[in-house]
Amino acid sequence: MNVSINVKLIQKGEFIIDFNYLHDFIVVVKHNSLNKAALELNISVPALSKRMKKLEDYCGFQMFHRTNKGVFLTGKGEKAYDMIMSIDAQLKNLSKIEEDETNNYFRLGILPSFSLSKLNNRLNDLDFLKVTIENNTAILYEKLKSKALDVILGDISSLKDPSLFTYQLYSEEFIVISSPQLKIKNGKNLNIEDLKDDVVYIQNPPCDTYTFIKSNQLDKKMTINYLEHQETILAHVRAGKGINILPKTLAIQVDYRHLNYQVLSGYSRTIGIATYNKELFEYIKNHL
């Protein structure tokens, strides 16, 4: 029996929200703080605040009192909290329906930049592998924690959980993509100081470039602007409005005709596997 459950979006009139916003709401209530909740969820504070506003718009009432000391539930927010906790628990139970069907394979989450042909070549003797592709390591990690995945292949340099078993596959550089219109130093490599006067465009978090920038505190050295789509970012770069920074395996997929393509010196990320299952970790490591 194949069971397929799609509980990603809910719609009410013109409002569409992601079911993950319900979990985000619970985390905000737990901390009474957008800053602390954003840190746990690995997203930016503005992005989390926007999600909470969308949830309020969907429900049709204010759920939080926003003060200098934190965010606190309104009377209606407290009633909503009890209902959302119940919905969240039911969603977790829904996800268990498929668990009975997954006992004969393991679920691997990977980044789109990782070569599927390389994966197939290395694991071609495994007929019990189910692959999920996500755009960034943060999403893969959340699915690993929630047991929606058994093992992930992504940026393990951003994972600080001591309970994880990790294994490095390779390191990759970060690439600066810019327009010739910008007066950036010529040459194959660039230093971070070469970019301090430029606007850096990256996708809205969560994304691996955002994680890289935050973990290295580069947001204190550069001006960061967030856009939703990579195509929009490249349009801004081509127009000479700023630069884009991407991991090398993503950057080489970009149509960078009429654009400069330079290595950001001194920075890299580590791509590898991560899992909470030691036996599975040993098995996968021996096959990769």
Protein backbone atom coordinates (compact mmCIF):
# COMPACT_ATOMS: atom_id res chain seq x y z
CA MET A 1 0.00 0.00 0.00
CA ASN A 2 1.32 3.43 -0.94
CA VAL A 3 0.30 6.22 1.40
CA SER A 4 0.77 9.81 0.29
CA ILE A 5 -0.01 12.66 2.65
CA ASN A 6 0.32 16.29 1.60
CA VAL A 7 -0.15 18.56 4.59
CA LYS A 8 2.19 21.34 3.57
CA LEU A 9 -0.28 24.15 2.88
CA ILE A 10 -3.65 25.23 4.19
CA GLN A 11 -5.80 27.84 2.46
CA LYS A 12 -8.52 30.16 3.66
CA GLY A 13 -9.84 32.51 1.03
CA GLU A 14 -6.83 34.42 -0.29
CA PHE A 15 -4.61 33.39 2.62
CA ILE A 16 -2.28 30.41 2.21
CA ILE A 17 0.07 29.37 5.01
CA ASP A 18 2.54 26.58 5.55
CA PHE A 19 1.68 24.04 8.23
CA ASN A 20 5.23 24.54 9.54
CA TYR A 21 4.09 27.98 10.74
CA LEU A 22 2.07 26.21 13.44
CA HIS A 23 5.23 24.65 14.83
CA ASP A 24 6.98 28.04 14.56
CA PHE A 25 4.13 29.57 16.58
CA ILE A 26 4.59 26.95 19.34
CA VAL A 27 8.32 27.71 19.52
CA VAL A 28 7.68 31.48 19.77
CA VAL A 29 5.24 30.88 22.63
CA LYS A 30 7.78 28.63 24.37
CA HIS A 31 10.42 31.38 24.38
CA ASN A 32 8.16 34.49 24.50
CA SER A 33 10.81 35.84 22.15
CA LEU A 34 11.15 36.09 18.38
CA ASN A 35 14.93 36.30 18.69
CA LYS A 36 15.28 33.07 20.71
CA ALA A 37 12.68 31.26 18.60
CA ALA A 38 14.41 32.32 15.37
CA LEU A 39 17.69 30.98 16.74
CA GLU A 40 16.12 27.59 17.51
CA LEU A 41 14.36 27.45 14.13
CA ASN A 42 17.49 28.61 12.27
CA ILE A 43 15.73 31.41 10.41
CA SER A 44 16.01 35.18 10.55
CA VAL A 45 13.93 37.24 12.98
CA PRO A 46 12.25 39.25 10.16
CA ALA A 47 11.28 36.00 8.38
CA LEU A 48 9.81 34.54 11.59
CA SER A 49 7.96 37.77 12.36
CA LYS A 50 6.48 37.68 8.85
CA ARG A 51 5.32 34.09 9.39
CA MET A 52 3.58 35.01 12.64
CA LYS A 53 1.86 37.95 10.91
CA LYS A 54 0.64 35.63 8.14
CA LEU A 55 -0.69 33.23 10.78
CA GLU A 56 -2.53 36.10 12.49
CA ASP A 57 -3.94 37.22 9.14
CA TYR A 58 -5.13 33.69 8.48
CA CYS A 59 -6.81 33.40 11.90
CA GLY A 60 -8.27 36.90 11.65
CA PHE A 61 -7.11 38.21 15.03
CA GLN A 62 -4.02 39.37 16.90
CA MET A 63 -2.32 36.47 18.67
CA PHE A 64 0.57 38.31 20.33
CA HIS A 65 1.20 41.40 22.39
CA ARG A 66 4.54 42.65 21.05
CA THR A 67 6.54 44.49 23.72
CA ASN A 68 10.14 45.51 24.38
CA LYS A 69 10.37 42.61 26.85
CA GLY A 70 9.14 39.99 24.39
CA VAL A 71 6.00 38.66 22.75
CA PHE A 72 3.09 37.37 24.83
CA LEU A 73 -0.18 35.71 23.93
CA THR A 74 -3.38 37.71 23.81
CA GLY A 75 -6.56 36.18 25.23
CA LYS A 76 -7.51 34.89 21.78
CA GLY A 77 -3.91 33.80 21.26
CA GLU A 78 -4.10 31.58 24.34
CA LYS A 79 -7.21 29.88 22.98
CA ALA A 80 -5.50 29.48 19.60
CA TYR A 81 -2.43 28.01 21.30
CA ASP A 82 -4.41 25.09 22.77
CA MET A 83 -5.95 24.36 19.37
CA ILE A 84 -2.65 24.65 17.50
CA MET A 85 -0.96 22.31 19.98
CA SER A 86 -3.70 19.77 19.25
CA ILE A 87 -3.35 20.23 15.47
CA ASP A 88 0.44 19.88 15.70
CA ALA A 89 0.07 16.62 17.62
CA GLN A 90 -2.40 15.29 15.05
CA LEU A 91 -0.05 16.19 12.19
CA LYS A 92 2.73 14.23 13.87
CA ASN A 93 0.36 11.27 14.16
CA LEU A 94 -0.46 11.61 10.45
CA SER A 95 3.21 11.33 9.60
CA LYS A 96 3.34 8.01 11.43
CA ILE A 97 0.89 6.45 8.96
CA GLU A 98 3.68 6.12 6.42
CA GLU A 99 6.21 4.83 8.95
CA ASP A 100 4.87 1.29 8.63
CA GLU A 101 5.69 1.46 4.93
CA THR A 102 9.29 2.61 5.47
CA ASN A 103 10.64 -0.27 7.52
CA ASN A 104 12.28 -1.86 4.47
CA TYR A 105 14.29 1.19 3.33
CA PHE A 106 16.05 4.20 4.75
CA ARG A 107 15.30 7.80 3.84
CA LEU A 108 18.18 9.97 2.64
CA GLY A 109 17.88 13.73 2.28
CA ILE A 110 20.32 15.54 -0.01
CA LEU A 111 21.02 18.99 -1.44
CA PRO A 112 20.23 19.61 -5.12
CA SER A 113 23.89 20.49 -5.67
CA PHE A 114 24.96 16.92 -4.86
CA SER A 115 25.27 14.83 -7.99
CA LEU A 116 22.51 12.22 -8.17
CA SER A 117 24.56 10.26 -10.70
CA LYS A 118 27.43 10.22 -8.20
CA LEU A 119 25.02 8.97 -5.55
CA ASN A 120 23.67 6.24 -7.81
CA ASN A 121 27.17 5.10 -8.73
CA ARG A 122 28.19 4.83 -5.08
CA LEU A 123 25.00 3.23 -3.83
CA ASN A 124 23.97 1.23 -6.87
CA ASP A 125 23.84 -1.99 -4.86
CA LEU A 126 21.24 -0.61 -2.48
CA ASP A 127 17.64 -1.17 -3.59
CA PHE A 128 16.13 0.13 -0.37
CA LEU A 129 17.08 3.80 -0.62
CA LYS A 130 14.49 6.59 -0.77
CA VAL A 131 15.93 10.00 -1.70
CA THR A 132 14.44 13.39 -0.79
CA ILE A 133 15.90 16.60 -2.21
CA GLU A 134 15.66 19.89 -0.30
CA ASN A 135 17.10 23.30 -1.15
CA ASN A 136 19.13 23.77 2.01
CA THR A 137 20.69 21.93 4.93
CA ALA A 138 18.46 23.67 7.51
CA ILE A 139 15.36 21.98 6.10
CA LEU A 140 17.15 18.63 5.86
CA TYR A 141 18.26 18.95 9.48
CA GLU A 142 14.74 19.77 10.69
CA LYS A 143 13.43 16.67 8.90
CA LEU A 144 16.21 14.59 10.43
CA LYS A 145 15.31 15.83 13.93
CA SER A 146 11.62 15.12 13.35
CA LYS A 147 12.50 11.60 12.09
CA ALA A 148 11.11 12.31 8.63
CA LEU A 149 14.59 11.40 7.34
CA ASP A 150 17.08 8.80 8.55
CA VAL A 151 20.27 10.38 7.21
CA ILE A 152 21.11 13.63 5.44
CA LEU A 153 23.84 14.71 3.07
CA GLY A 154 24.55 18.42 3.35
CA ASP A 155 26.63 21.16 4.97
CA ILE A 156 27.73 19.42 8.16
CA SER A 157 29.94 22.37 9.14
CA SER A 158 26.71 24.17 10.14
CA LEU A 159 25.50 21.33 12.41
CA LYS A 160 26.48 21.65 16.08
CA ASP A 161 24.41 18.83 17.61
CA PRO A 162 26.83 16.56 19.57
CA SER A 163 24.40 13.64 19.25
CA LEU A 164 24.92 13.48 15.49
CA PHE A 165 27.24 11.05 13.77
CA THR A 166 28.92 12.92 10.92
CA TYR A 167 31.37 12.02 8.18
CA GLN A 168 33.08 14.45 5.80
CA LEU A 169 32.89 13.75 2.07
CA TYR A 170 34.51 16.88 0.67
CA SER A 171 34.99 20.62 1.18
CA GLU A 172 33.88 23.25 -1.27
CA GLU A 173 34.62 26.92 -1.75
CA PHE A 174 32.22 29.83 -1.91
CA ILE A 175 32.00 31.81 -5.13
CA VAL A 176 31.39 35.53 -5.57
CA ILE A 177 29.30 36.35 -8.65
CA SER A 178 29.40 39.97 -9.78
CA SER A 179 28.89 42.21 -12.78
CA PRO A 180 31.88 43.74 -14.61
CA GLN A 181 30.17 47.08 -13.92
CA LEU A 182 31.23 46.81 -10.28
CA LYS A 183 34.78 47.85 -9.51
CA ILE A 184 35.79 44.68 -7.66
CA LYS A 185 39.43 43.62 -7.57
CA ASN A 186 40.43 41.54 -10.58
CA GLY A 187 41.89 38.09 -10.15
CA LYS A 188 40.86 34.54 -9.41
CA ASN A 189 40.36 35.08 -5.67
CA LEU A 190 38.74 37.75 -3.49
CA ASN A 191 39.12 38.54 0.20
CA ILE A 192 36.18 39.51 2.39
CA GLU A 193 37.64 43.01 2.71
CA ASP A 194 37.29 43.42 -1.06
CA LEU A 195 33.50 43.17 -0.65
CA LYS A 196 32.86 45.45 2.32
CA ASP A 197 31.48 48.26 0.14
CA ASP A 198 29.18 46.03 -1.92
CA VAL A 199 25.60 44.92 -1.36
CA VAL A 200 25.29 41.12 -1.13
CA TYR A 201 22.05 39.60 -2.42
CA ILE A 202 21.08 36.15 -1.12
CA GLN A 203 17.87 34.15 -0.93
CA ASN A 204 15.51 34.46 2.00
CA PRO A 205 16.48 32.17 4.88
CA PRO A 206 16.64 29.37 5.50
CA CYS A 207 19.36 28.89 2.88
CA ASP A 208 22.92 27.60 3.11
CA THR A 209 24.49 30.94 2.13
CA TYR A 210 22.60 32.63 4.98
CA THR A 211 23.83 29.98 7.41
CA PHE A 212 27.39 30.44 6.15
CA ILE A 213 27.21 34.24 6.50
CA LYS A 214 25.71 34.12 10.00
CA SER A 215 28.06 31.42 11.32
CA ASN A 216 31.08 33.44 10.18
CA GLN A 217 29.54 36.76 11.34
CA LEU A 218 30.00 38.16 7.85
CA ASP A 219 26.72 40.07 8.16
CA LYS A 220 28.67 42.47 10.38
CA LYS A 221 31.15 43.11 7.57
CA MET A 222 28.79 43.32 4.58
CA THR A 223 25.40 44.75 3.67
CA ILE A 224 22.98 41.85 3.11
CA ASN A 225 19.76 42.08 1.10
CA TYR A 226 17.33 39.17 0.92
CA LEU A 227 15.28 38.21 -2.14
CA GLU A 228 12.98 35.25 -2.69
CA HIS A 229 14.20 33.88 -6.02
CA GLN A 230 17.69 33.23 -7.35
CA GLU A 231 16.63 34.51 -10.77
CA THR A 232 15.75 37.87 -9.21
CA ILE A 233 19.10 37.96 -7.43
CA LEU A 234 20.98 37.38 -10.70
CA ALA A 235 18.96 40.13 -12.37
CA HIS A 236 20.12 42.55 -9.67
CA VAL A 237 23.71 41.32 -10.06
CA ARG A 238 23.63 41.72 -13.85
CA ALA A 239 22.30 45.25 -13.37
CA GLY A 240 25.34 46.05 -11.23
CA LYS A 241 23.30 46.58 -8.06
CA GLY A 242 25.33 44.13 -5.95
CA ILE A 243 26.91 40.69 -5.76
CA ASN A 244 25.83 37.13 -4.99
CA ILE A 245 27.67 34.49 -2.95
CA LEU A 246 27.00 30.79 -3.54
CA PRO A 247 28.63 27.44 -2.74
CA LYS A 248 30.71 26.34 -5.74
CA THR A 249 28.48 23.40 -6.70
CA LEU A 250 25.51 25.78 -6.96
CA ALA A 251 27.47 28.60 -8.58
CA ILE A 252 28.65 26.46 -11.49
CA GLN A 253 24.99 25.79 -12.36
CA VAL A 254 24.40 29.52 -12.83
CA ASP A 255 24.39 31.03 -16.31
CA TYR A 256 27.18 33.48 -15.57
CA ARG A 257 27.74 34.81 -19.08
CA HIS A 258 28.81 38.47 -18.80
CA LEU A 259 29.38 37.95 -15.07
CA ASN A 260 32.54 37.64 -12.98
CA TYR A 261 33.09 34.38 -11.10
CA GLN A 262 35.68 34.54 -8.30
CA VAL A 263 36.59 32.40 -5.28
CA LEU A 264 36.04 33.88 -1.80
CA SER A 265 39.38 33.20 -0.11
CA GLY A 266 39.57 31.81 3.40
CA TYR A 267 36.07 30.33 3.56
CA SER A 268 34.63 26.93 2.69
CA ARG A 269 31.97 24.52 3.84
CA THR A 270 32.14 20.82 4.63
CA ILE A 271 29.76 18.50 2.80
CA GLY A 272 29.11 15.18 4.49
CA ILE A 273 26.58 12.81 5.98
CA ALA A 274 24.80 13.16 9.32
CA THR A 275 22.49 10.82 11.22
CA TYR A 276 21.45 9.92 14.76
CA ASN A 277 21.67 6.21 13.96
CA LYS A 278 25.18 4.83 14.56
CA GLU A 279 24.56 1.54 12.75
CA LEU A 280 23.15 3.32 9.70
CA PHE A 281 26.02 5.82 9.84
CA GLU A 282 28.60 3.04 9.61
CA TYR A 283 26.72 1.36 6.79
CA ILE A 284 26.35 4.50 4.66
CA LYS A 285 29.91 5.64 5.34
CA ASN A 286 31.24 2.35 4.03
CA HIS A 287 29.25 2.72 0.79
CA LEU A 288 29.94 6.38 0.00
